[in-house]
Amino acid sequence: LYTQQCVARLAKCNGKDHVLKELYQLAIENFKLPYESGFPLKELYTPASSKSESDNLRSYLLQLRQELGSRLAEICIDANTNKPSKWWVCFSKRKFMGKSLDGPG
């Protein structure tokens, strides 16, 4: 779900620097943990047993989001044009299992 959100954001960017900045901003935004209300597939996850476990998960997911953003920027930007690759941009409109982190559905 997060990868689709990243691809949708990078589709609107011009150049690798803009993509890196935008995906970093997306990574550090406040986000729901998989078992919290508001997360699209929350019924698949069991809640954390303690606050420290929840904090550890949040820090792990934050690091994952930052790393994924930087790697997607490397892969999805066409080296010749310095713009998002049309092949990757076509996935920005598709939703995984009809779900999205951006809003309802």
N, C-alpha and C. Protein backbone atom coordinates (compact mmCIF):
# COMPACT_ATOMS: atom_id res chain seq x y z
N LEU A 1 0.82 -1.19 0.00
CA LEU A 1 0.00 0.00 0.00
C LEU A 1 0.87 1.26 0.00
N TYR A 2 1.92 1.23 0.79
CA TYR A 2 2.80 2.39 0.85
C TYR A 2 3.54 2.60 -0.47
N THR A 3 3.93 1.52 -1.11
CA THR A 3 4.65 1.63 -2.38
C THR A 3 3.77 2.30 -3.43
N GLN A 4 2.49 1.94 -3.46
CA GLN A 4 1.56 2.56 -4.41
C GLN A 4 1.43 4.05 -4.11
N GLN A 5 1.41 4.40 -2.84
CA GLN A 5 1.32 5.80 -2.44
C GLN A 5 2.58 6.56 -2.90
N CYS A 6 3.74 5.92 -2.79
CA CYS A 6 4.99 6.54 -3.25
C CYS A 6 4.98 6.76 -4.76
N VAL A 7 4.55 5.76 -5.50
CA VAL A 7 4.52 5.87 -6.96
C VAL A 7 3.56 6.97 -7.39
N ALA A 8 2.43 7.09 -6.69
CA ALA A 8 1.48 8.16 -7.01
C ALA A 8 2.10 9.53 -6.77
N ARG A 9 2.88 9.66 -5.70
CA ARG A 9 3.53 10.94 -5.40
C ARG A 9 4.62 11.26 -6.41
N LEU A 10 5.43 10.26 -6.77
CA LEU A 10 6.54 10.55 -7.67
C LEU A 10 6.05 10.82 -9.09
N ALA A 11 4.86 10.38 -9.43
CA ALA A 11 4.31 10.65 -10.76
C ALA A 11 4.09 12.15 -10.97
N LYS A 12 3.94 12.89 -9.90
CA LYS A 12 3.67 14.33 -9.99
C LYS A 12 4.94 15.18 -9.93
N CYS A 13 6.10 14.54 -9.83
CA CYS A 13 7.36 15.26 -9.62
C CYS A 13 8.13 15.48 -10.92
N ASN A 14 8.99 16.50 -10.90
CA ASN A 14 9.87 16.79 -12.03
C ASN A 14 11.31 16.66 -11.55
N GLY A 15 11.93 15.59 -11.87
CA GLY A 15 13.35 15.42 -11.54
C GLY A 15 13.58 14.62 -10.27
N LYS A 16 14.77 14.06 -10.21
CA LYS A 16 15.14 13.16 -9.12
C LYS A 16 15.19 13.88 -7.77
N ASP A 17 15.72 15.10 -7.74
CA ASP A 17 15.80 15.84 -6.48
C ASP A 17 14.42 16.10 -5.90
N HIS A 18 13.48 16.47 -6.76
CA HIS A 18 12.11 16.71 -6.31
C HIS A 18 11.47 15.41 -5.81
N VAL A 19 11.74 14.31 -6.48
CA VAL A 19 11.21 13.00 -6.06
C VAL A 19 11.76 12.63 -4.69
N LEU A 20 13.07 12.77 -4.51
CA LEU A 20 13.68 12.43 -3.22
C LEU A 20 13.09 13.27 -2.09
N LYS A 21 12.92 14.55 -2.34
CA LYS A 21 12.35 15.44 -1.33
C LYS A 21 10.91 15.05 -1.00
N GLU A 22 10.12 14.79 -2.03
CA GLU A 22 8.71 14.45 -1.85
C GLU A 22 8.54 13.11 -1.12
N LEU A 23 9.34 12.12 -1.49
CA LEU A 23 9.23 10.81 -0.85
C LEU A 23 9.75 10.84 0.58
N TYR A 24 10.72 11.69 0.87
CA TYR A 24 11.18 11.83 2.24
C TYR A 24 10.09 12.46 3.10
N GLN A 25 9.43 13.48 2.56
CA GLN A 25 8.32 14.11 3.28
C GLN A 25 7.20 13.10 3.55
N LEU A 26 6.91 12.27 2.57
CA LEU A 26 5.88 11.24 2.74
C LEU A 26 6.30 10.24 3.81
N ALA A 27 7.57 9.88 3.83
CA ALA A 27 8.06 8.89 4.79
C ALA A 27 7.94 9.37 6.23
N ILE A 28 8.19 10.65 6.47
CA ILE A 28 8.18 11.14 7.85
C ILE A 28 6.81 11.66 8.30
N GLU A 29 5.83 11.65 7.41
CA GLU A 29 4.48 12.02 7.82
C GLU A 29 3.97 11.04 8.87
N ASN A 30 3.07 11.50 9.71
CA ASN A 30 2.47 10.62 10.71
C ASN A 30 1.66 9.54 9.98
N PHE A 31 1.79 8.29 10.41
CA PHE A 31 1.10 7.20 9.75
C PHE A 31 0.50 6.25 10.77
N LYS A 32 -0.53 5.54 10.36
CA LYS A 32 -1.19 4.55 11.20
C LYS A 32 -0.39 3.26 11.21
N LEU A 33 -0.29 2.65 12.36
CA LEU A 33 0.31 1.33 12.43
C LEU A 33 -0.70 0.31 11.92
N PRO A 34 -0.25 -0.84 11.46
CA PRO A 34 -1.16 -1.80 10.82
C PRO A 34 -2.34 -2.25 11.68
N TYR A 35 -2.26 -2.21 12.99
CA TYR A 35 -3.36 -2.66 13.83
C TYR A 35 -4.22 -1.52 14.36
N GLU A 36 -3.91 -0.28 14.01
CA GLU A 36 -4.68 0.86 14.48
C GLU A 36 -5.91 1.10 13.61
N SER A 37 -6.94 1.70 14.21
CA SER A 37 -8.13 2.00 13.43
C SER A 37 -7.77 3.01 12.36
N GLY A 38 -8.32 2.84 11.19
CA GLY A 38 -8.01 3.71 10.06
C GLY A 38 -7.05 3.07 9.08
N PHE A 39 -6.36 2.00 9.49
CA PHE A 39 -5.49 1.29 8.57
C PHE A 39 -6.35 0.34 7.74
N PRO A 40 -6.21 0.33 6.41
CA PRO A 40 -7.12 -0.44 5.54
C PRO A 40 -7.19 -1.95 5.82
N LEU A 41 -6.12 -2.58 6.20
CA LEU A 41 -6.12 -4.04 6.41
C LEU A 41 -5.87 -4.39 7.87
N LYS A 42 -6.39 -3.59 8.79
CA LYS A 42 -6.08 -3.76 10.21
C LYS A 42 -6.54 -5.09 10.78
N GLU A 43 -7.54 -5.69 10.20
CA GLU A 43 -8.06 -6.97 10.73
C GLU A 43 -7.06 -8.12 10.54
N LEU A 44 -6.04 -7.92 9.74
CA LEU A 44 -5.03 -8.96 9.51
C LEU A 44 -3.92 -8.94 10.55
N TYR A 45 -3.88 -7.93 11.40
CA TYR A 45 -2.78 -7.75 12.34
C TYR A 45 -3.27 -7.79 13.78
N THR A 46 -2.45 -8.32 14.67
CA THR A 46 -2.76 -8.30 16.09
C THR A 46 -2.11 -7.07 16.71
N PRO A 47 -2.77 -6.45 17.68
CA PRO A 47 -2.22 -5.25 18.31
C PRO A 47 -0.94 -5.53 19.07
N ALA A 48 -0.14 -4.50 19.24
CA ALA A 48 1.10 -4.62 20.01
C ALA A 48 0.75 -4.85 21.48
N SER A 49 1.56 -5.62 22.16
CA SER A 49 1.27 -5.96 23.56
C SER A 49 1.72 -4.87 24.53
N SER A 50 2.61 -3.97 24.08
CA SER A 50 3.08 -2.91 24.97
C SER A 50 3.40 -1.65 24.16
N LYS A 51 3.57 -0.56 24.90
CA LYS A 51 3.91 0.71 24.27
C LYS A 51 5.30 0.65 23.62
N SER A 52 6.23 -0.04 24.26
CA SER A 52 7.58 -0.12 23.71
C SER A 52 7.59 -0.94 22.41
N GLU A 53 6.78 -1.99 22.36
CA GLU A 53 6.67 -2.78 21.13
C GLU A 53 6.07 -1.92 20.01
N SER A 54 5.10 -1.12 20.35
CA SER A 54 4.48 -0.22 19.38
C SER A 54 5.49 0.83 18.89
N ASP A 55 6.28 1.37 19.79
CA ASP A 55 7.30 2.36 19.42
C ASP A 55 8.37 1.74 18.54
N ASN A 56 8.78 0.51 18.86
CA ASN A 56 9.77 -0.20 18.04
C ASN A 56 9.25 -0.43 16.63
N LEU A 57 7.99 -0.83 16.52
CA LEU A 57 7.38 -1.06 15.21
C LEU A 57 7.31 0.24 14.42
N ARG A 58 6.92 1.32 15.08
CA ARG A 58 6.84 2.62 14.39
C ARG A 58 8.20 3.05 13.88
N SER A 59 9.26 2.90 14.69
CA SER A 59 10.59 3.31 14.25
C SER A 59 11.09 2.41 13.11
N TYR A 60 10.78 1.11 13.18
CA TYR A 60 11.16 0.19 12.09
C TYR A 60 10.45 0.58 10.80
N LEU A 61 9.15 0.85 10.88
CA LEU A 61 8.39 1.21 9.68
C LEU A 61 8.83 2.57 9.13
N LEU A 62 9.22 3.49 9.99
CA LEU A 62 9.73 4.78 9.53
C LEU A 62 11.02 4.58 8.74
N GLN A 63 11.92 3.76 9.27
CA GLN A 63 13.17 3.47 8.57
C GLN A 63 12.89 2.77 7.24
N LEU A 64 11.95 1.85 7.23
CA LEU A 64 11.56 1.14 6.01
C LEU A 64 11.01 2.11 4.97
N ARG A 65 10.17 3.03 5.39
CA ARG A 65 9.58 4.00 4.47
C ARG A 65 10.65 4.91 3.86
N GLN A 66 11.61 5.34 4.66
CA GLN A 66 12.68 6.19 4.15
C GLN A 66 13.55 5.44 3.16
N GLU A 67 13.90 4.21 3.47
CA GLU A 67 14.75 3.42 2.57
C GLU A 67 14.01 3.10 1.27
N LEU A 68 12.74 2.74 1.36
CA LEU A 68 11.95 2.45 0.17
C LEU A 68 11.86 3.67 -0.73
N GLY A 69 11.66 4.84 -0.14
CA GLY A 69 11.59 6.07 -0.93
C GLY A 69 12.87 6.35 -1.70
N SER A 70 14.00 6.19 -1.04
CA SER A 70 15.26 6.46 -1.73
C SER A 70 15.53 5.43 -2.82
N ARG A 71 15.17 4.18 -2.58
CA ARG A 71 15.38 3.16 -3.62
C ARG A 71 14.42 3.32 -4.79
N LEU A 72 13.18 3.69 -4.51
CA LEU A 72 12.23 3.93 -5.60
C LEU A 72 12.67 5.10 -6.47
N ALA A 73 13.23 6.12 -5.85
CA ALA A 73 13.72 7.27 -6.62
C ALA A 73 14.81 6.83 -7.59
N GLU A 74 15.68 5.93 -7.17
CA GLU A 74 16.74 5.42 -8.04
C GLU A 74 16.16 4.61 -9.21
N ILE A 75 15.15 3.81 -8.92
CA ILE A 75 14.59 2.90 -9.92
C ILE A 75 13.62 3.60 -10.87
N CYS A 76 12.79 4.47 -10.34
CA CYS A 76 11.67 5.01 -11.11
C CYS A 76 11.99 6.25 -11.94
N ILE A 77 13.15 6.83 -11.75
CA ILE A 77 13.51 8.01 -12.53
C ILE A 77 14.32 7.58 -13.74
N ASP A 78 13.86 8.01 -14.92
CA ASP A 78 14.56 7.71 -16.16
C ASP A 78 15.85 8.53 -16.22
N ALA A 79 16.98 7.86 -16.36
CA ALA A 79 18.28 8.54 -16.34
C ALA A 79 18.46 9.51 -17.51
N ASN A 80 17.84 9.23 -18.64
CA ASN A 80 17.99 10.08 -19.82
C ASN A 80 17.20 11.39 -19.71
N THR A 81 15.99 11.31 -19.20
CA THR A 81 15.12 12.49 -19.14
C THR A 81 15.05 13.13 -17.76
N ASN A 82 15.51 12.44 -16.73
CA ASN A 82 15.43 12.89 -15.33
C ASN A 82 13.98 13.13 -14.90
N LYS A 83 13.08 12.36 -15.46
CA LYS A 83 11.66 12.42 -15.11
C LYS A 83 11.19 11.02 -14.74
N PRO A 84 10.05 10.91 -14.05
CA PRO A 84 9.55 9.58 -13.70
C PRO A 84 9.29 8.73 -14.94
N SER A 85 9.68 7.47 -14.86
CA SER A 85 9.48 6.53 -15.96
C SER A 85 7.99 6.28 -16.18
N LYS A 86 7.58 6.30 -17.44
CA LYS A 86 6.16 6.07 -17.76
C LYS A 86 5.72 4.68 -17.34
N TRP A 87 6.64 3.73 -17.37
CA TRP A 87 6.29 2.36 -16.98
C TRP A 87 5.89 2.33 -15.51
N TRP A 88 6.61 3.02 -14.64
CA TRP A 88 6.28 3.04 -13.22
C TRP A 88 5.08 3.92 -12.93
N VAL A 89 4.94 5.01 -13.65
CA VAL A 89 3.84 5.94 -13.42
C VAL A 89 2.49 5.28 -13.71
N CYS A 90 2.46 4.31 -14.61
CA CYS A 90 1.18 3.65 -14.92
C CYS A 90 0.61 2.92 -13.69
N PHE A 91 1.45 2.60 -12.70
CA PHE A 91 0.98 1.93 -11.50
C PHE A 91 0.41 2.90 -10.47
N SER A 92 0.52 4.18 -10.71
CA SER A 92 0.03 5.15 -9.73
C SER A 92 -1.50 5.18 -9.64
N LYS A 93 -2.17 4.72 -10.68
CA LYS A 93 -3.63 4.73 -10.68
C LYS A 93 -4.24 3.44 -10.10
N ARG A 94 -3.44 2.39 -10.01
CA ARG A 94 -3.94 1.11 -9.53
C ARG A 94 -3.87 1.03 -8.01
N LYS A 95 -4.85 0.36 -7.42
CA LYS A 95 -4.86 0.16 -5.98
C LYS A 95 -4.65 -1.32 -5.68
N PHE A 96 -3.97 -1.60 -4.59
CA PHE A 96 -3.74 -2.97 -4.16
C PHE A 96 -4.98 -3.46 -3.44
N MET A 97 -5.60 -4.48 -3.98
CA MET A 97 -6.82 -5.07 -3.43
C MET A 97 -7.93 -4.01 -3.23
N GLY A 98 -7.90 -2.99 -4.06
CA GLY A 98 -8.91 -1.93 -3.96
C GLY A 98 -8.73 -1.05 -2.74
N LYS A 99 -7.58 -1.14 -2.08
CA LYS A 99 -7.32 -0.37 -0.85
C LYS A 99 -6.29 0.72 -1.09
N SER A 100 -6.31 1.74 -0.26
CA SER A 100 -5.36 2.84 -0.35
C SER A 100 -5.10 3.41 1.03
N LEU A 101 -3.89 3.91 1.25
CA LEU A 101 -3.57 4.56 2.52
C LEU A 101 -4.06 6.00 2.53
N ASP A 102 -4.39 6.55 1.37
CA ASP A 102 -4.76 7.96 1.26
C ASP A 102 -6.16 8.27 1.78
N GLY A 103 -7.06 7.34 1.74
CA GLY A 103 -8.40 7.64 2.17
C GLY A 103 -9.29 6.41 2.14
N PRO A 104 -10.59 6.60 2.07
CA PRO A 104 -11.51 5.46 2.08
C PRO A 104 -11.30 4.55 0.89
N GLY A 105 -11.53 3.27 1.15
CA GLY A 105 -11.47 2.30 0.07
C GLY A 105 -10.27 1.53 0.00
